[in-house]
Amino acid sequence: MVEHDALSVSREAYNAVADTYAQLFRDELRDRPFDRAILSAFAEVVGASGDGQVADLGCGPGHITAHLDKLGLSVFGVDASAAMIELARNAYPGLRFDTGSMAALNIADGVLGGVLSRWSIIHTPPQELPVILAEFHRVLAPGGHLLVGFSASDDPSHPTQAFDHAVATAYRWSPDHLAAMLRKSGLAEVARMVREPLPTDRRQFQEIQLLARKAQNA
């Protein structure tokens, strides 16, 4: 199979900065109470729906995977960057971490109670995103939940906006447009959190987290 250029570029870029990235973001939740709150809500609704596993897709160095584990979820991480996965395995040896692509997950159909995609779609070109959303739907069990985080577009006439990310080209999304794409993929929005940028944030973008659910009869 020919690998997507965008995936190859972002994977190699994250391999190159993995150590720096891990140091920068290891404690990111400490000063983000709203992020901790939405992750707790995600853990609660997933737990209430059953005992299915949760995949942290685009897990990076594994710090969010470890946080979900502390919240009581049966969770494993997946990332395209082998360097990130090595760091995650070293930092959290009791947890499972696999290399893989969100566009072709090595996960059986309908087995996950939850999927977390925390800023892991931002390097996906807009025309390729439906494939990834279809994979999220495929691996979720009926009634399973997806939590997806991304930066918001601020131009109503453009549902996506490219921006110069420090690692690789990235994209911002209109929340309503992405919610519509989720619906088209069979994932209905349950809730959304909109957080205004902090004064200390390098990029002054709104941060969006959408919680969506796969139908029980899907």
C-alpha atoms as a PDB file:
ATOM      1  CA  MET A   1       0.000   0.000   0.000  1.00  0.00           C
ATOM      2  CA  VAL A   2       1.312   3.463  -0.870  1.00  0.00           C
ATOM      3  CA  GLU A   3       1.486   5.606   2.237  1.00  0.00           C
ATOM      4  CA  HIS A   4      -0.145   9.034   2.238  1.00  0.00           C
ATOM      5  CA  ASP A   5       2.469  11.775   1.866  1.00  0.00           C
ATOM      6  CA  ALA A   6       0.951  13.806   4.721  1.00  0.00           C
ATOM      7  CA  LEU A   7       1.207  10.850   7.090  1.00  0.00           C
ATOM      8  CA  SER A   8       4.792  10.145   6.091  1.00  0.00           C
ATOM      9  CA  VAL A   9       5.813  13.782   6.515  1.00  0.00           C
ATOM     10  CA  SER A  10       4.154  14.227   9.917  1.00  0.00           C
ATOM     11  CA  ARG A  11       5.417  10.871  11.196  1.00  0.00           C
ATOM     12  CA  GLU A  12       9.020  11.675  10.336  1.00  0.00           C
ATOM     13  CA  ALA A  13       8.660  15.190  11.754  1.00  0.00           C
ATOM     14  CA  TYR A  14       7.358  13.862  15.070  1.00  0.00           C
ATOM     15  CA  ASN A  15      10.082  11.213  15.165  1.00  0.00           C
ATOM     16  CA  ALA A  16      12.605  14.043  14.970  1.00  0.00           C
ATOM     17  CA  VAL A  17      11.105  16.086  17.840  1.00  0.00           C
ATOM     18  CA  ALA A  18       9.770  13.289  20.038  1.00  0.00           C
ATOM     19  CA  ASP A  19      12.007  13.957  23.048  1.00  0.00           C
ATOM     20  CA  THR A  20      11.335  17.709  23.019  1.00  0.00           C
ATOM     21  CA  TYR A  21       7.606  17.169  22.535  1.00  0.00           C
ATOM     22  CA  ALA A  22       7.431  14.760  25.470  1.00  0.00           C
ATOM     23  CA  GLN A  23       9.177  17.241  27.750  1.00  0.00           C
ATOM     24  CA  LEU A  24       6.901  20.106  26.695  1.00  0.00           C
ATOM     25  CA  PHE A  25       3.598  18.289  27.058  1.00  0.00           C
ATOM     26  CA  ARG A  26       4.154  15.730  29.823  1.00  0.00           C
ATOM     27  CA  ASP A  27       2.416  17.948  32.392  1.00  0.00           C
ATOM     28  CA  GLU A  28       0.036  19.794  30.077  1.00  0.00           C
ATOM     29  CA  LEU A  29      -3.117  18.801  31.973  1.00  0.00           C
ATOM     30  CA  ARG A  30      -1.859  20.290  35.230  1.00  0.00           C
ATOM     31  CA  ASP A  31      -2.965  23.816  34.292  1.00  0.00           C
ATOM     32  CA  ARG A  32      -5.933  22.816  32.116  1.00  0.00           C
ATOM     33  CA  PRO A  33      -8.913  22.129  34.392  1.00  0.00           C
ATOM     34  CA  PHE A  34     -11.428  22.211  31.543  1.00  0.00           C
ATOM     35  CA  ASP A  35      -9.460  19.622  29.591  1.00  0.00           C
ATOM     36  CA  ARG A  36      -9.361  17.404  32.662  1.00  0.00           C
ATOM     37  CA  ALA A  37     -13.111  17.892  33.035  1.00  0.00           C
ATOM     38  CA  ILE A  38     -13.964  16.804  29.482  1.00  0.00           C
ATOM     39  CA  LEU A  39     -11.654  13.799  29.783  1.00  0.00           C
ATOM     40  CA  SER A  40     -13.399  12.853  33.036  1.00  0.00           C
ATOM     41  CA  ALA A  41     -16.794  13.190  31.354  1.00  0.00           C
ATOM     42  CA  PHE A  42     -15.562  11.033  28.479  1.00  0.00           C
ATOM     43  CA  ALA A  43     -14.349   8.390  30.922  1.00  0.00           C
ATOM     44  CA  GLU A  44     -17.685   8.456  32.750  1.00  0.00           C
ATOM     45  CA  VAL A  45     -19.884   8.017  29.656  1.00  0.00           C
ATOM     46  CA  VAL A  46     -17.633   5.300  28.262  1.00  0.00           C
ATOM     47  CA  GLY A  47     -17.675   3.482  31.586  1.00  0.00           C
ATOM     48  CA  ALA A  48     -21.441   3.763  31.823  1.00  0.00           C
ATOM     49  CA  SER A  49     -21.868   2.211  28.380  1.00  0.00           C
ATOM     50  CA  GLY A  50     -19.934  -0.981  29.133  1.00  0.00           C
ATOM     51  CA  ASP A  51     -16.489  -2.431  29.631  1.00  0.00           C
ATOM     52  CA  GLY A  52     -15.078  -1.923  26.133  1.00  0.00           C
ATOM     53  CA  GLN A  53     -11.501  -0.832  25.613  1.00  0.00           C
ATOM     54  CA  VAL A  54     -10.554   2.723  24.700  1.00  0.00           C
ATOM     55  CA  ALA A  55      -8.003   3.682  22.046  1.00  0.00           C
ATOM     56  CA  ASP A  56      -6.029   6.913  22.421  1.00  0.00           C
ATOM     57  CA  LEU A  57      -5.277   7.565  18.760  1.00  0.00           C
ATOM     58  CA  GLY A  58      -2.320   9.821  18.144  1.00  0.00           C
ATOM     59  CA  CYS A  59      -1.200   9.169  21.710  1.00  0.00           C
ATOM     60  CA  GLY A  60       2.240  10.756  21.337  1.00  0.00           C
ATOM     61  CA  PRO A  61       4.404  10.083  24.415  1.00  0.00           C
ATOM     62  CA  GLY A  62       1.480   8.493  26.251  1.00  0.00           C
ATOM     63  CA  HIS A  63       0.702  11.028  28.980  1.00  0.00           C
ATOM     64  CA  ILE A  64      -3.004  11.276  28.112  1.00  0.00           C
ATOM     65  CA  THR A  65      -3.260   7.489  27.798  1.00  0.00           C
ATOM     66  CA  ALA A  66      -1.870   7.251  31.316  1.00  0.00           C
ATOM     67  CA  HIS A  67      -4.362   9.858  32.534  1.00  0.00           C
ATOM     68  CA  LEU A  68      -7.277   7.849  31.115  1.00  0.00           C
ATOM     69  CA  ASP A  69      -5.883   4.744  32.793  1.00  0.00           C
ATOM     70  CA  LYS A  70      -5.953   6.597  36.121  1.00  0.00           C
ATOM     71  CA  LEU A  71      -9.587   7.475  35.412  1.00  0.00           C
ATOM     72  CA  GLY A  72     -10.368   3.766  35.353  1.00  0.00           C
ATOM     73  CA  LEU A  73     -10.512   3.038  31.629  1.00  0.00           C
ATOM     74  CA  SER A  74      -9.015   0.013  29.915  1.00  0.00           C
ATOM     75  CA  VAL A  75      -6.967   2.059  27.468  1.00  0.00           C
ATOM     76  CA  PHE A  76      -4.170   1.624  24.954  1.00  0.00           C
ATOM     77  CA  GLY A  77      -2.349   4.123  22.749  1.00  0.00           C
ATOM     78  CA  VAL A  78      -1.660   4.197  19.021  1.00  0.00           C
ATOM     79  CA  ASP A  79       0.653   6.580  17.177  1.00  0.00           C
ATOM     80  CA  ALA A  80       2.258   6.702  13.736  1.00  0.00           C
ATOM     81  CA  SER A  81       5.577   7.829  15.223  1.00  0.00           C
ATOM     82  CA  ALA A  82       7.767   4.937  16.346  1.00  0.00           C
ATOM     83  CA  ALA A  83       9.852   7.363  18.418  1.00  0.00           C
ATOM     84  CA  MET A  84       6.761   8.528  20.302  1.00  0.00           C
ATOM     85  CA  ILE A  85       5.686   4.948  20.952  1.00  0.00           C
ATOM     86  CA  GLU A  86       9.129   4.099  22.309  1.00  0.00           C
ATOM     87  CA  LEU A  87       8.944   7.044  24.721  1.00  0.00           C
ATOM     88  CA  ALA A  88       5.432   6.033  25.799  1.00  0.00           C
ATOM     89  CA  ARG A  89       6.457   2.432  26.459  1.00  0.00           C
ATOM     90  CA  ASN A  90       9.455   3.555  28.495  1.00  0.00           C
ATOM     91  CA  ALA A  91       7.444   6.081  30.527  1.00  0.00           C
ATOM     92  CA  TYR A  92       4.407   3.834  31.140  1.00  0.00           C
ATOM     93  CA  PRO A  93       5.574   0.211  30.938  1.00  0.00           C
ATOM     94  CA  GLY A  94       2.309  -1.104  32.355  1.00  0.00           C
ATOM     95  CA  LEU A  95       0.282   0.192  29.419  1.00  0.00           C
ATOM     96  CA  ARG A  96      -0.003  -0.978  25.817  1.00  0.00           C
ATOM     97  CA  PHE A  97       1.233   1.228  22.968  1.00  0.00           C
ATOM     98  CA  ASP A  98       1.201   0.313  19.260  1.00  0.00           C
ATOM     99  CA  THR A  99       2.439   1.986  16.100  1.00  0.00           C
ATOM    100  CA  GLY A 100      -0.292   2.476  13.518  1.00  0.00           C
ATOM    101  CA  SER A 101      -2.188   4.758  11.195  1.00  0.00           C
ATOM    102  CA  MET A 102      -5.615   6.211  11.973  1.00  0.00           C
ATOM    103  CA  ALA A 103      -6.521   5.681   8.317  1.00  0.00           C
ATOM    104  CA  ALA A 104      -6.069   1.904   8.611  1.00  0.00           C
ATOM    105  CA  LEU A 105      -6.306   0.803  12.219  1.00  0.00           C
ATOM    106  CA  ASN A 106      -5.266  -2.708  13.202  1.00  0.00           C
ATOM    107  CA  ILE A 107      -8.360  -2.995  15.384  1.00  0.00           C
ATOM    108  CA  ALA A 108     -11.351  -5.275  14.828  1.00  0.00           C
ATOM    109  CA  ASP A 109     -14.782  -3.935  13.942  1.00  0.00           C
ATOM    110  CA  GLY A 110     -17.015  -2.710  16.771  1.00  0.00           C
ATOM    111  CA  VAL A 111     -14.818  -3.618  19.739  1.00  0.00           C
ATOM    112  CA  LEU A 112     -14.051  -0.250  21.370  1.00  0.00           C
ATOM    113  CA  GLY A 113     -16.123   1.500  23.987  1.00  0.00           C
ATOM    114  CA  GLY A 114     -14.339   4.748  23.264  1.00  0.00           C
ATOM    115  CA  VAL A 115     -11.936   6.520  20.927  1.00  0.00           C
ATOM    116  CA  LEU A 116      -9.927   9.565  21.914  1.00  0.00           C
ATOM    117  CA  SER A 117      -8.514  11.706  19.119  1.00  0.00           C
ATOM    118  CA  ARG A 118      -6.897  14.611  20.914  1.00  0.00           C
ATOM    119  CA  TRP A 119      -5.477  16.981  18.288  1.00  0.00           C
ATOM    120  CA  SER A 120      -4.433  13.936  16.260  1.00  0.00           C
ATOM    121  CA  ILE A 121      -6.498  14.841  13.168  1.00  0.00           C
ATOM    122  CA  ILE A 122      -4.913  18.270  12.715  1.00  0.00           C
ATOM    123  CA  HIS A 123      -2.256  17.106  10.233  1.00  0.00           C
ATOM    124  CA  THR A 124      -4.802  15.266   8.070  1.00  0.00           C
ATOM    125  CA  PRO A 125      -5.569  17.039   4.767  1.00  0.00           C
ATOM    126  CA  PRO A 126      -9.300  17.842   4.605  1.00  0.00           C
ATOM    127  CA  GLN A 127      -9.969  15.502   1.690  1.00  0.00           C
ATOM    128  CA  GLU A 128      -8.559  12.568   3.679  1.00  0.00           C
ATOM    129  CA  LEU A 129     -10.441  13.150   6.924  1.00  0.00           C
ATOM    130  CA  PRO A 130     -13.600  11.187   5.956  1.00  0.00           C
ATOM    131  CA  VAL A 131     -11.508   8.002   5.755  1.00  0.00           C
ATOM    132  CA  ILE A 132     -10.296   8.515   9.321  1.00  0.00           C
ATOM    133  CA  LEU A 133     -13.768   9.319  10.640  1.00  0.00           C
ATOM    134  CA  ALA A 134     -15.035   6.141   8.963  1.00  0.00           C
ATOM    135  CA  GLU A 135     -12.320   4.199  10.811  1.00  0.00           C
ATOM    136  CA  PHE A 136     -13.409   5.735  14.115  1.00  0.00           C
ATOM    137  CA  HIS A 137     -16.965   4.599  13.402  1.00  0.00           C
ATOM    138  CA  ARG A 138     -15.837   1.127  12.316  1.00  0.00           C
ATOM    139  CA  VAL A 139     -13.878   0.301  15.459  1.00  0.00           C
ATOM    140  CA  LEU A 140     -16.428   1.703  17.919  1.00  0.00           C
ATOM    141  CA  ALA A 141     -19.002  -0.627  19.406  1.00  0.00           C
ATOM    142  CA  PRO A 142     -22.664   0.376  19.127  1.00  0.00           C
ATOM    143  CA  GLY A 143     -23.203   3.101  21.704  1.00  0.00           C
ATOM    144  CA  GLY A 144     -19.453   3.819  21.875  1.00  0.00           C
ATOM    145  CA  HIS A 145     -18.153   7.371  22.246  1.00  0.00           C
ATOM    146  CA  LEU A 146     -15.601   9.473  20.389  1.00  0.00           C
ATOM    147  CA  LEU A 147     -13.901  12.551  21.849  1.00  0.00           C
ATOM    148  CA  VAL A 148     -12.098  14.590  19.207  1.00  0.00           C
ATOM    149  CA  GLY A 149     -10.084  17.736  19.895  1.00  0.00           C
ATOM    150  CA  PHE A 150      -8.927  20.335  17.385  1.00  0.00           C
ATOM    151  CA  SER A 151      -8.344  24.048  16.842  1.00  0.00           C
ATOM    152  CA  ALA A 152     -11.221  26.093  15.461  1.00  0.00           C
ATOM    153  CA  SER A 153     -11.332  27.932  12.157  1.00  0.00           C
ATOM    154  CA  ASP A 154     -12.273  31.592  12.607  1.00  0.00           C
ATOM    155  CA  ASP A 155     -13.400  32.235   9.018  1.00  0.00           C
ATOM    156  CA  PRO A 156     -17.053  31.220   8.434  1.00  0.00           C
ATOM    157  CA  SER A 157     -16.489  31.136   4.677  1.00  0.00           C
ATOM    158  CA  HIS A 158     -13.742  28.503   5.017  1.00  0.00           C
ATOM    159  CA  PRO A 159     -14.582  25.372   7.032  1.00  0.00           C
ATOM    160  CA  THR A 160     -10.886  24.464   7.131  1.00  0.00           C
ATOM    161  CA  GLN A 161      -7.825  26.678   7.419  1.00  0.00           C
ATOM    162  CA  ALA A 162      -4.234  25.531   7.077  1.00  0.00           C
ATOM    163  CA  PHE A 163      -1.720  26.980   9.492  1.00  0.00           C
ATOM    164  CA  ASP A 164       2.012  26.769  10.024  1.00  0.00           C
ATOM    165  CA  HIS A 165       2.354  24.262  12.840  1.00  0.00           C
ATOM    166  CA  ALA A 166       5.774  23.948  14.475  1.00  0.00           C
ATOM    167  CA  VAL A 167       6.080  20.295  13.441  1.00  0.00           C
ATOM    168  CA  ALA A 168       4.151  19.874  10.166  1.00  0.00           C
ATOM    169  CA  THR A 169       1.394  21.589   8.201  1.00  0.00           C
ATOM    170  CA  ALA A 170      -1.834  21.491  10.179  1.00  0.00           C
ATOM    171  CA  TYR A 171      -5.492  22.431   9.757  1.00  0.00           C
ATOM    172  CA  ARG A 172      -8.139  24.206  11.804  1.00  0.00           C
ATOM    173  CA  TRP A 173     -11.787  23.232  11.432  1.00  0.00           C
ATOM    174  CA  SER A 174     -15.150  24.906  11.755  1.00  0.00           C
ATOM    175  CA  PRO A 175     -16.781  23.076  14.697  1.00  0.00           C
ATOM    176  CA  ASP A 176     -20.150  22.918  12.959  1.00  0.00           C
ATOM    177  CA  HIS A 177     -18.563  21.594   9.769  1.00  0.00           C
ATOM    178  CA  LEU A 178     -16.671  18.874  11.611  1.00  0.00           C
ATOM    179  CA  ALA A 179     -19.796  17.970  13.600  1.00  0.00           C
ATOM    180  CA  ALA A 180     -21.632  17.571  10.273  1.00  0.00           C
ATOM    181  CA  MET A 181     -18.852  15.311   8.993  1.00  0.00           C
ATOM    182  CA  LEU A 182     -19.168  13.207  12.132  1.00  0.00           C
ATOM    183  CA  ARG A 183     -22.935  12.872  11.570  1.00  0.00           C
ATOM    184  CA  LYS A 184     -22.292  11.780   7.996  1.00  0.00           C
ATOM    185  CA  SER A 185     -19.932   9.131   9.361  1.00  0.00           C
ATOM    186  CA  GLY A 186     -22.602   7.834  11.739  1.00  0.00           C
ATOM    187  CA  LEU A 187     -21.416   9.633  14.883  1.00  0.00           C
ATOM    188  CA  ALA A 188     -23.930  12.001  16.485  1.00  0.00           C
ATOM    189  CA  GLU A 189     -22.686  14.945  18.528  1.00  0.00           C
ATOM    190  CA  VAL A 190     -23.519  14.674  22.224  1.00  0.00           C
ATOM    191  CA  ALA A 191     -21.684  17.701  23.582  1.00  0.00           C
ATOM    192  CA  ARG A 192     -18.953  20.171  22.764  1.00  0.00           C
ATOM    193  CA  MET A 193     -16.533  22.212  24.804  1.00  0.00           C
ATOM    194  CA  VAL A 194     -15.191  25.513  23.478  1.00  0.00           C
ATOM    195  CA  ARG A 195     -12.183  26.946  25.264  1.00  0.00           C
ATOM    196  CA  GLU A 196     -10.813  30.381  24.539  1.00  0.00           C
ATOM    197  CA  PRO A 197      -7.019  30.590  24.229  1.00  0.00           C
ATOM    198  CA  LEU A 198      -5.019  31.266  27.338  1.00  0.00           C
ATOM    199  CA  PRO A 199      -2.765  34.340  27.347  1.00  0.00           C
ATOM    200  CA  THR A 200       0.211  31.999  27.500  1.00  0.00           C
ATOM    201  CA  ASP A 201      -0.869  29.931  24.462  1.00  0.00           C
ATOM    202  CA  ARG A 202       1.483  30.299  21.525  1.00  0.00           C
ATOM    203  CA  ARG A 203      -1.432  30.234  19.101  1.00  0.00           C
ATOM    204  CA  GLN A 204      -4.498  32.285  19.914  1.00  0.00           C
ATOM    205  CA  PHE A 205      -7.007  29.773  18.508  1.00  0.00           C
ATOM    206  CA  GLN A 206     -10.194  28.528  20.117  1.00  0.00           C
ATOM    207  CA  GLU A 207      -9.838  24.907  21.198  1.00  0.00           C
ATOM    208  CA  ILE A 208     -12.791  22.622  20.496  1.00  0.00           C
ATOM    209  CA  GLN A 209     -13.563  19.197  21.883  1.00  0.00           C
ATOM    210  CA  LEU A 210     -16.527  17.347  20.410  1.00  0.00           C
ATOM    211  CA  LEU A 211     -18.059  14.334  22.105  1.00  0.00           C
ATOM    212  CA  ALA A 212     -19.959  12.083  19.704  1.00  0.00           C
ATOM    213  CA  ARG A 213     -21.686   8.715  19.958  1.00  0.00           C
ATOM    214  CA  LYS A 214     -22.260   5.790  17.623  1.00  0.00           C
ATOM    215  CA  ALA A 215     -25.897   4.682  17.477  1.00  0.00           C
ATOM    216  CA  GLN A 216     -26.875   1.617  19.492  1.00  0.00           C
ATOM    217  CA  ASN A 217     -28.315  -0.076  16.420  1.00  0.00           C
ATOM    218  CA  ALA A 218     -25.368   0.682  14.118  1.00  0.00           C
END
